[in-house]
Amino acid sequence: MMGDSEAAAAVAAGRVPPEISLAYLEEDRDTPSMNASIFMFALTLVIVNGRAISRLYLRKVFGIDDILAVISMPSSLYV
């Protein structure tokens, strides 16, 4: 996203179509994406934990696929 000075400079230089305002360029559009990402991570966390608990306590079998799923959850926080 452009910074405030970059957006103002682009409008002043005429590189932005006249129907697009400076206020539109400065709007924050990150919130819906962040909310969706947080929701999907939480949903995945619930599903992976449910799978791990059911495999570990109900079936008494914890395979390599379960280990990889559990290991991948913390690493997905850094993406």
PDB file of N, CA and C in Angstrom:
ATOM      1  N   MET A   1       0.834  -1.167   0.000  1.00  0.00           N
ATOM      2  CA  MET A   1       0.000   0.000   0.000  1.00  0.00           C
ATOM      3  C   MET A   1       0.876   1.226   0.000  1.00  0.00           C
ATOM      4  N   MET A   2       0.460   2.233  -0.715  1.00  0.00           N
ATOM      5  CA  MET A   2       1.228   3.453  -0.803  1.00  0.00           C
ATOM      6  C   MET A   2       1.197   4.202   0.515  1.00  0.00           C
ATOM      7  N   GLY A   3       2.315   4.892   0.806  1.00  0.00           N
ATOM      8  CA  GLY A   3       2.329   5.769   1.968  1.00  0.00           C
ATOM      9  C   GLY A   3       1.579   7.054   1.647  1.00  0.00           C
ATOM     10  N   ASP A   4       1.351   7.856   2.668  1.00  0.00           N
ATOM     11  CA  ASP A   4       0.600   9.097   2.478  1.00  0.00           C
ATOM     12  C   ASP A   4       1.289  10.027   1.494  1.00  0.00           C
ATOM     13  N   SER A   5       2.606  10.174   1.637  1.00  0.00           N
ATOM     14  CA  SER A   5       3.315  11.087   0.749  1.00  0.00           C
ATOM     15  C   SER A   5       3.373  10.543  -0.677  1.00  0.00           C
ATOM     16  N   GLU A   6       3.481   9.241  -0.818  1.00  0.00           N
ATOM     17  CA  GLU A   6       3.511   8.643  -2.153  1.00  0.00           C
ATOM     18  C   GLU A   6       2.170   8.809  -2.854  1.00  0.00           C
ATOM     19  N   ALA A   7       1.080   8.628  -2.131  1.00  0.00           N
ATOM     20  CA  ALA A   7      -0.251   8.784  -2.720  1.00  0.00           C
ATOM     21  C   ALA A   7      -0.487  10.228  -3.121  1.00  0.00           C
ATOM     22  N   ALA A   8      -0.117  11.153  -2.255  1.00  0.00           N
ATOM     23  CA  ALA A   8      -0.297  12.577  -2.569  1.00  0.00           C
ATOM     24  C   ALA A   8       0.561  12.983  -3.754  1.00  0.00           C
ATOM     25  N   ALA A   9       1.782  12.463  -3.826  1.00  0.00           N
ATOM     26  CA  ALA A   9       2.664  12.785  -4.948  1.00  0.00           C
ATOM     27  C   ALA A   9       2.116  12.209  -6.253  1.00  0.00           C
ATOM     28  N   ALA A  10       1.553  11.008  -6.207  1.00  0.00           N
ATOM     29  CA  ALA A  10       0.985  10.399  -7.413  1.00  0.00           C
ATOM     30  C   ALA A  10      -0.223  11.175  -7.900  1.00  0.00           C
ATOM     31  N   VAL A  11      -1.069  11.640  -6.972  1.00  0.00           N
ATOM     32  CA  VAL A  11      -2.238  12.442  -7.358  1.00  0.00           C
ATOM     33  C   VAL A  11      -1.784  13.768  -7.940  1.00  0.00           C
ATOM     34  N   ALA A  12      -0.787  14.402  -7.300  1.00  0.00           N
ATOM     35  CA  ALA A  12      -0.294  15.700  -7.770  1.00  0.00           C
ATOM     36  C   ALA A  12       0.374  15.585  -9.135  1.00  0.00           C
ATOM     37  N   ALA A  13       1.029  14.457  -9.395  1.00  0.00           N
ATOM     38  CA  ALA A  13       1.713  14.271 -10.676  1.00  0.00           C
ATOM     39  C   ALA A  13       0.759  13.846 -11.779  1.00  0.00           C
ATOM     40  N   GLY A  14      -0.482  13.548 -11.440  1.00  0.00           N
ATOM     41  CA  GLY A  14      -1.457  13.160 -12.453  1.00  0.00           C
ATOM     42  C   GLY A  14      -1.401  11.700 -12.842  1.00  0.00           C
ATOM     43  N   ARG A  15      -0.752  10.871 -12.039  1.00  0.00           N
ATOM     44  CA  ARG A  15      -0.651   9.442 -12.351  1.00  0.00           C
ATOM     45  C   ARG A  15      -1.856   8.652 -11.863  1.00  0.00           C
ATOM     46  N   VAL A  16      -2.780   9.322 -11.194  1.00  0.00           N
ATOM     47  CA  VAL A  16      -3.980   8.675 -10.667  1.00  0.00           C
ATOM     48  C   VAL A  16      -5.184   9.211 -11.430  1.00  0.00           C
ATOM     49  N   PRO A  17      -6.085   8.344 -11.885  1.00  0.00           N
ATOM     50  CA  PRO A  17      -7.279   8.824 -12.595  1.00  0.00           C
ATOM     51  C   PRO A  17      -8.073   9.802 -11.726  1.00  0.00           C
ATOM     52  N   PRO A  18      -8.713  10.786 -12.346  1.00  0.00           N
ATOM     53  CA  PRO A  18      -9.407  11.823 -11.573  1.00  0.00           C
ATOM     54  C   PRO A  18     -10.568  11.298 -10.725  1.00  0.00           C
ATOM     55  N   GLU A  19     -11.175  10.179 -11.095  1.00  0.00           N
ATOM     56  CA  GLU A  19     -12.300   9.660 -10.305  1.00  0.00           C
ATOM     57  C   GLU A  19     -11.852   8.945  -9.028  1.00  0.00           C
ATOM     58  N   ILE A  20     -10.544   8.747  -8.862  1.00  0.00           N
ATOM     59  CA  ILE A  20     -10.017   8.120  -7.653  1.00  0.00           C
ATOM     60  C   ILE A  20      -9.463   9.211  -6.756  1.00  0.00           C
ATOM     61  N   SER A  21     -10.032   9.312  -5.560  1.00  0.00           N
ATOM     62  CA  SER A  21      -9.633  10.387  -4.649  1.00  0.00           C
ATOM     63  C   SER A  21      -8.449   9.963  -3.782  1.00  0.00           C
ATOM     64  N   LEU A  22      -7.823  10.959  -3.193  1.00  0.00           N
ATOM     65  CA  LEU A  22      -6.717  10.704  -2.279  1.00  0.00           C
ATOM     66  C   LEU A  22      -7.210   9.952  -1.040  1.00  0.00           C
ATOM     67  N   ALA A  23      -8.413  10.267  -0.589  1.00  0.00           N
ATOM     68  CA  ALA A  23      -8.983   9.577   0.576  1.00  0.00           C
ATOM     69  C   ALA A  23      -9.163   8.084   0.291  1.00  0.00           C
ATOM     70  N   TYR A  24      -9.560   7.749  -0.938  1.00  0.00           N
ATOM     71  CA  TYR A  24      -9.724   6.342  -1.307  1.00  0.00           C
ATOM     72  C   TYR A  24      -8.372   5.626  -1.279  1.00  0.00           C
ATOM     73  N   LEU A  25      -7.334   6.294  -1.752  1.00  0.00           N
ATOM     74  CA  LEU A  25      -6.009   5.682  -1.765  1.00  0.00           C
ATOM     75  C   LEU A  25      -5.458   5.481  -0.359  1.00  0.00           C
ATOM     76  N   GLU A  26      -5.888   6.296   0.576  1.00  0.00           N
ATOM     77  CA  GLU A  26      -5.374   6.216   1.939  1.00  0.00           C
ATOM     78  C   GLU A  26      -6.216   5.326   2.849  1.00  0.00           C
ATOM     79  N   GLU A  27      -7.280   4.707   2.324  1.00  0.00           N
ATOM     80  CA  GLU A  27      -8.121   3.829   3.138  1.00  0.00           C
ATOM     81  C   GLU A  27      -7.347   2.593   3.581  1.00  0.00           C
ATOM     82  N   ASP A  28      -7.704   2.092   4.754  1.00  0.00           N
ATOM     83  CA  ASP A  28      -7.109   0.873   5.289  1.00  0.00           C
ATOM     84  C   ASP A  28      -7.940  -0.323   4.832  1.00  0.00           C
ATOM     85  N   ARG A  29      -7.303  -1.241   4.117  1.00  0.00           N
ATOM     86  CA  ARG A  29      -8.007  -2.420   3.622  1.00  0.00           C
ATOM     87  C   ARG A  29      -7.452  -3.707   4.229  1.00  0.00           C
ATOM     88  N   ASP A  30      -6.671  -3.577   5.279  1.00  0.00           N
ATOM     89  CA  ASP A  30      -6.034  -4.746   5.883  1.00  0.00           C
ATOM     90  C   ASP A  30      -6.925  -5.489   6.868  1.00  0.00           C
ATOM     91  N   THR A  31      -7.860  -4.800   7.488  1.00  0.00           N
ATOM     92  CA  THR A  31      -8.649  -5.399   8.569  1.00  0.00           C
ATOM     93  C   THR A  31      -9.441  -6.632   8.133  1.00  0.00           C
ATOM     94  N   PRO A  32     -10.190  -6.606   7.030  1.00  0.00           N
ATOM     95  CA  PRO A  32     -10.924  -7.822   6.641  1.00  0.00           C
ATOM     96  C   PRO A  32     -10.002  -9.014   6.360  1.00  0.00           C
ATOM     97  N   SER A  33      -8.855  -8.754   5.754  1.00  0.00           N
ATOM     98  CA  SER A  33      -7.913  -9.840   5.470  1.00  0.00           C
ATOM     99  C   SER A  33      -7.340 -10.424   6.750  1.00  0.00           C
ATOM    100  N   MET A  34      -7.005  -9.564   7.690  1.00  0.00           N
ATOM    101  CA  MET A  34      -6.477 -10.040   8.965  1.00  0.00           C
ATOM    102  C   MET A  34      -7.526 -10.846   9.726  1.00  0.00           C
ATOM    103  N   ASN A  35      -8.763 -10.371   9.721  1.00  0.00           N
ATOM    104  CA  ASN A  35      -9.836 -11.102  10.405  1.00  0.00           C
ATOM    105  C   ASN A  35     -10.044 -12.480   9.787  1.00  0.00           C
ATOM    106  N   ALA A  36     -10.021 -12.555   8.471  1.00  0.00           N
ATOM    107  CA  ALA A  36     -10.190 -13.844   7.794  1.00  0.00           C
ATOM    108  C   ALA A  36      -9.026 -14.783   8.104  1.00  0.00           C
ATOM    109  N   SER A  37      -7.814 -14.252   8.128  1.00  0.00           N
ATOM    110  CA  SER A  37      -6.644 -15.075   8.438  1.00  0.00           C
ATOM    111  C   SER A  37      -6.696 -15.609   9.860  1.00  0.00           C
ATOM    112  N   ILE A  38      -7.075 -14.755  10.798  1.00  0.00           N
ATOM    113  CA  ILE A  38      -7.174 -15.182  12.196  1.00  0.00           C
ATOM    114  C   ILE A  38      -8.263 -16.239  12.359  1.00  0.00           C
ATOM    115  N   PHE A  39      -9.399 -16.034  11.698  1.00  0.00           N
ATOM    116  CA  PHE A  39     -10.487 -17.011  11.775  1.00  0.00           C
ATOM    117  C   PHE A  39     -10.053 -18.359  11.211  1.00  0.00           C
ATOM    118  N   MET A  40      -9.398 -18.354  10.052  1.00  0.00           N
ATOM    119  CA  MET A  40      -8.976 -19.614   9.441  1.00  0.00           C
ATOM    120  C   MET A  40      -7.929 -20.329  10.290  1.00  0.00           C
ATOM    121  N   PHE A  41      -7.008 -19.566  10.894  1.00  0.00           N
ATOM    122  CA  PHE A  41      -6.017 -20.188  11.770  1.00  0.00           C
ATOM    123  C   PHE A  41      -6.691 -20.822  12.977  1.00  0.00           C
ATOM    124  N   ALA A  42      -7.634 -20.109  13.587  1.00  0.00           N
ATOM    125  CA  ALA A  42      -8.337 -20.638  14.762  1.00  0.00           C
ATOM    126  C   ALA A  42      -9.124 -21.896  14.405  1.00  0.00           C
ATOM    127  N   LEU A  43      -9.794 -21.876  13.269  1.00  0.00           N
ATOM    128  CA  LEU A  43     -10.551 -23.048  12.824  1.00  0.00           C
ATOM    129  C   LEU A  43      -9.624 -24.235  12.584  1.00  0.00           C
ATOM    130  N   THR A  44      -8.503 -23.988  11.937  1.00  0.00           N
ATOM    131  CA  THR A  44      -7.529 -25.051  11.683  1.00  0.00           C
ATOM    132  C   THR A  44      -6.952 -25.584  12.984  1.00  0.00           C
ATOM    133  N   LEU A  45      -6.698 -24.696  13.927  1.00  0.00           N
ATOM    134  CA  LEU A  45      -6.173 -25.115  15.224  1.00  0.00           C
ATOM    135  C   LEU A  45      -7.156 -26.036  15.943  1.00  0.00           C
ATOM    136  N   VAL A  46      -8.423 -25.701  15.911  1.00  0.00           N
ATOM    137  CA  VAL A  46      -9.448 -26.541  16.546  1.00  0.00           C
ATOM    138  C   VAL A  46      -9.510 -27.908  15.867  1.00  0.00           C
ATOM    139  N   ILE A  47      -9.469 -27.916  14.549  1.00  0.00           N
ATOM    140  CA  ILE A  47      -9.563 -29.183  13.811  1.00  0.00           C
ATOM    141  C   ILE A  47      -8.337 -30.058  14.054  1.00  0.00           C
ATOM    142  N   VAL A  48      -7.143 -29.470  14.000  1.00  0.00           N
ATOM    143  CA  VAL A  48      -5.921 -30.254  14.218  1.00  0.00           C
ATOM    144  C   VAL A  48      -5.868 -30.777  15.650  1.00  0.00           C
ATOM    145  N   ASN A  49      -6.239 -29.941  16.611  1.00  0.00           N
ATOM    146  CA  ASN A  49      -6.259 -30.416  18.004  1.00  0.00           C
ATOM    147  C   ASN A  49      -7.288 -31.517  18.205  1.00  0.00           C
ATOM    148  N   GLY A  50      -8.454 -31.367  17.616  1.00  0.00           N
ATOM    149  CA  GLY A  50      -9.472 -32.410  17.713  1.00  0.00           C
ATOM    150  C   GLY A  50      -9.003 -33.712  17.101  1.00  0.00           C
ATOM    151  N   ARG A  51      -8.339 -33.611  15.972  1.00  0.00           N
ATOM    152  CA  ARG A  51      -7.811 -34.813  15.318  1.00  0.00           C
ATOM    153  C   ARG A  51      -6.735 -35.460  16.183  1.00  0.00           C
ATOM    154  N   ALA A  52      -5.827 -34.652  16.706  1.00  0.00           N
ATOM    155  CA  ALA A  52      -4.738 -35.194  17.522  1.00  0.00           C
ATOM    156  C   ALA A  52      -5.276 -35.855  18.784  1.00  0.00           C
ATOM    157  N   ILE A  53      -6.215 -35.209  19.439  1.00  0.00           N
ATOM    158  CA  ILE A  53      -6.789 -35.781  20.666  1.00  0.00           C
ATOM    159  C   ILE A  53      -7.530 -37.079  20.365  1.00  0.00           C
ATOM    160  N   SER A  54      -8.305 -37.084  19.292  1.00  0.00           N
ATOM    161  CA  SER A  54      -9.057 -38.300  18.969  1.00  0.00           C
ATOM    162  C   SER A  54      -8.137 -39.435  18.555  1.00  0.00           C
ATOM    163  N   ARG A  55      -7.087 -39.116  17.813  1.00  0.00           N
ATOM    164  CA  ARG A  55      -6.160 -40.176  17.401  1.00  0.00           C
ATOM    165  C   ARG A  55      -5.351 -40.693  18.585  1.00  0.00           C
ATOM    166  N   LEU A  56      -4.992 -39.795  19.497  1.00  0.00           N
ATOM    167  CA  LEU A  56      -4.141 -40.188  20.613  1.00  0.00           C
ATOM    168  C   LEU A  56      -4.907 -40.940  21.695  1.00  0.00           C
ATOM    169  N   TYR A  57      -6.112 -40.482  22.027  1.00  0.00           N
ATOM    170  CA  TYR A  57      -6.835 -41.062  23.155  1.00  0.00           C
ATOM    171  C   TYR A  57      -7.899 -42.081  22.752  1.00  0.00           C
ATOM    172  N   LEU A  58      -8.517 -41.901  21.601  1.00  0.00           N
ATOM    173  CA  LEU A  58      -9.571 -42.833  21.203  1.00  0.00           C
ATOM    174  C   LEU A  58      -9.026 -44.018  20.410  1.00  0.00           C
ATOM    175  N   ARG A  59      -8.171 -43.725  19.435  1.00  0.00           N
ATOM    176  CA  ARG A  59      -7.659 -44.815  18.592  1.00  0.00           C
ATOM    177  C   ARG A  59      -6.342 -45.368  19.089  1.00  0.00           C
ATOM    178  N   LYS A  60      -5.662 -44.632  19.956  1.00  0.00           N
ATOM    179  CA  LYS A  60      -4.356 -45.032  20.502  1.00  0.00           C
ATOM    180  C   LYS A  60      -3.298 -45.185  19.414  1.00  0.00           C
ATOM    181  N   VAL A  61      -3.489 -44.478  18.297  1.00  0.00           N
ATOM    182  CA  VAL A  61      -2.536 -44.512  17.193  1.00  0.00           C
ATOM    183  C   VAL A  61      -2.235 -43.071  16.798  1.00  0.00           C
ATOM    184  N   PHE A  62      -0.968 -42.698  16.840  1.00  0.00           N
ATOM    185  CA  PHE A  62      -0.562 -41.346  16.467  1.00  0.00           C
ATOM    186  C   PHE A  62       0.504 -41.489  15.398  1.00  0.00           C
ATOM    187  N   GLY A  63       0.108 -41.293  14.143  1.00  0.00           N
ATOM    188  CA  GLY A  63       0.997 -41.537  13.021  1.00  0.00           C
ATOM    189  C   GLY A  63       1.822 -40.329  12.624  1.00  0.00           C
ATOM    190  N   ILE A  64       2.624 -40.527  11.592  1.00  0.00           N
ATOM    191  CA  ILE A  64       3.493 -39.463  11.089  1.00  0.00           C
ATOM    192  C   ILE A  64       2.670 -38.296  10.540  1.00  0.00           C
ATOM    193  N   ASP A  65       1.512 -38.591   9.964  1.00  0.00           N
ATOM    194  CA  ASP A  65       0.667 -37.515   9.454  1.00  0.00           C
ATOM    195  C   ASP A  65       0.149 -36.629  10.581  1.00  0.00           C
ATOM    196  N   ASP A  66      -0.131 -37.226  11.729  1.00  0.00           N
ATOM    197  CA  ASP A  66      -0.575 -36.451  12.885  1.00  0.00           C
ATOM    198  C   ASP A  66       0.568 -35.607  13.444  1.00  0.00           C
ATOM    199  N   ILE A  67       1.742 -36.182  13.496  1.00  0.00           N
ATOM    200  CA  ILE A  67       2.912 -35.446  13.974  1.00  0.00           C
ATOM    201  C   ILE A  67       3.180 -34.247  13.072  1.00  0.00           C
ATOM    202  N   LEU A  68       3.116 -34.455  11.766  1.00  0.00           N
ATOM    203  CA  LEU A  68       3.358 -33.353  10.831  1.00  0.00           C
ATOM    204  C   LEU A  68       2.292 -32.266  10.946  1.00  0.00           C
ATOM    205  N   ALA A  69       1.047 -32.659  11.171  1.00  0.00           N
ATOM    206  CA  ALA A  69      -0.027 -31.673  11.330  1.00  0.00           C
ATOM    207  C   ALA A  69       0.192 -30.834  12.579  1.00  0.00           C
ATOM    208  N   VAL A  70       0.589 -31.466  13.669  1.00  0.00           N
ATOM    209  CA  VAL A  70       0.825 -30.734  14.918  1.00  0.00           C
ATOM    210  C   VAL A  70       2.045 -29.826  14.788  1.00  0.00           C
ATOM    211  N   ILE A  71       3.096 -30.311  14.149  1.00  0.00           N
ATOM    212  CA  ILE A  71       4.305 -29.502  13.965  1.00  0.00           C
ATOM    213  C   ILE A  71       4.041 -28.315  13.042  1.00  0.00           C
ATOM    214  N   SER A  72       3.184 -28.495  12.063  1.00  0.00           N
ATOM    215  CA  SER A  72       2.944 -27.421  11.093  1.00  0.00           C
ATOM    216  C   SER A  72       2.135 -26.264  11.669  1.00  0.00           C
ATOM    217  N   MET A  73       1.394 -26.489  12.741  1.00  0.00           N
ATOM    218  CA  MET A  73       0.564 -25.410  13.299  1.00  0.00           C
ATOM    219  C   MET A  73       1.389 -24.230  13.816  1.00  0.00           C
ATOM    220  N   PRO A  74       2.390 -24.429  14.659  1.00  0.00           N
ATOM    221  CA  PRO A  74       3.164 -23.263  15.107  1.00  0.00           C
ATOM    222  C   PRO A  74       3.938 -22.598  13.974  1.00  0.00           C
ATOM    223  N   SER A  75       4.395 -23.395  13.020  1.00  0.00           N
ATOM    224  CA  SER A  75       5.151 -22.809  11.915  1.00  0.00           C
ATOM    225  C   SER A  75       4.271 -21.970  11.002  1.00  0.00           C
ATOM    226  N   SER A  76       2.966 -22.200  11.012  1.00  0.00           N
ATOM    227  CA  SER A  76       2.078 -21.397  10.167  1.00  0.00           C
ATOM    228  C   SER A  76       1.850 -20.003  10.735  1.00  0.00           C
ATOM    229  N   LEU A  77       2.240 -19.769  11.964  1.00  0.00           N
ATOM    230  CA  LEU A  77       2.123 -18.426  12.546  1.00  0.00           C
ATOM    231  C   LEU A  77       3.104 -17.448  11.919  1.00  0.00           C
ATOM    232  N   TYR A  78       4.205 -17.935  11.374  1.00  0.00           N
ATOM    233  CA  TYR A  78       5.247 -17.069  10.845  1.00  0.00           C
ATOM    234  C   TYR A  78       5.056 -16.726   9.382  1.00  0.00           C
ATOM    235  N   VAL A  79       4.039 -17.237   8.770  1.00  0.00           N
ATOM    236  CA  VAL A  79       3.813 -16.975   7.339  1.00  0.00           C
ATOM    237  C   VAL A  79       3.053 -15.699   7.151  1.00  0.00           C
TER     238      VAL A  79
END
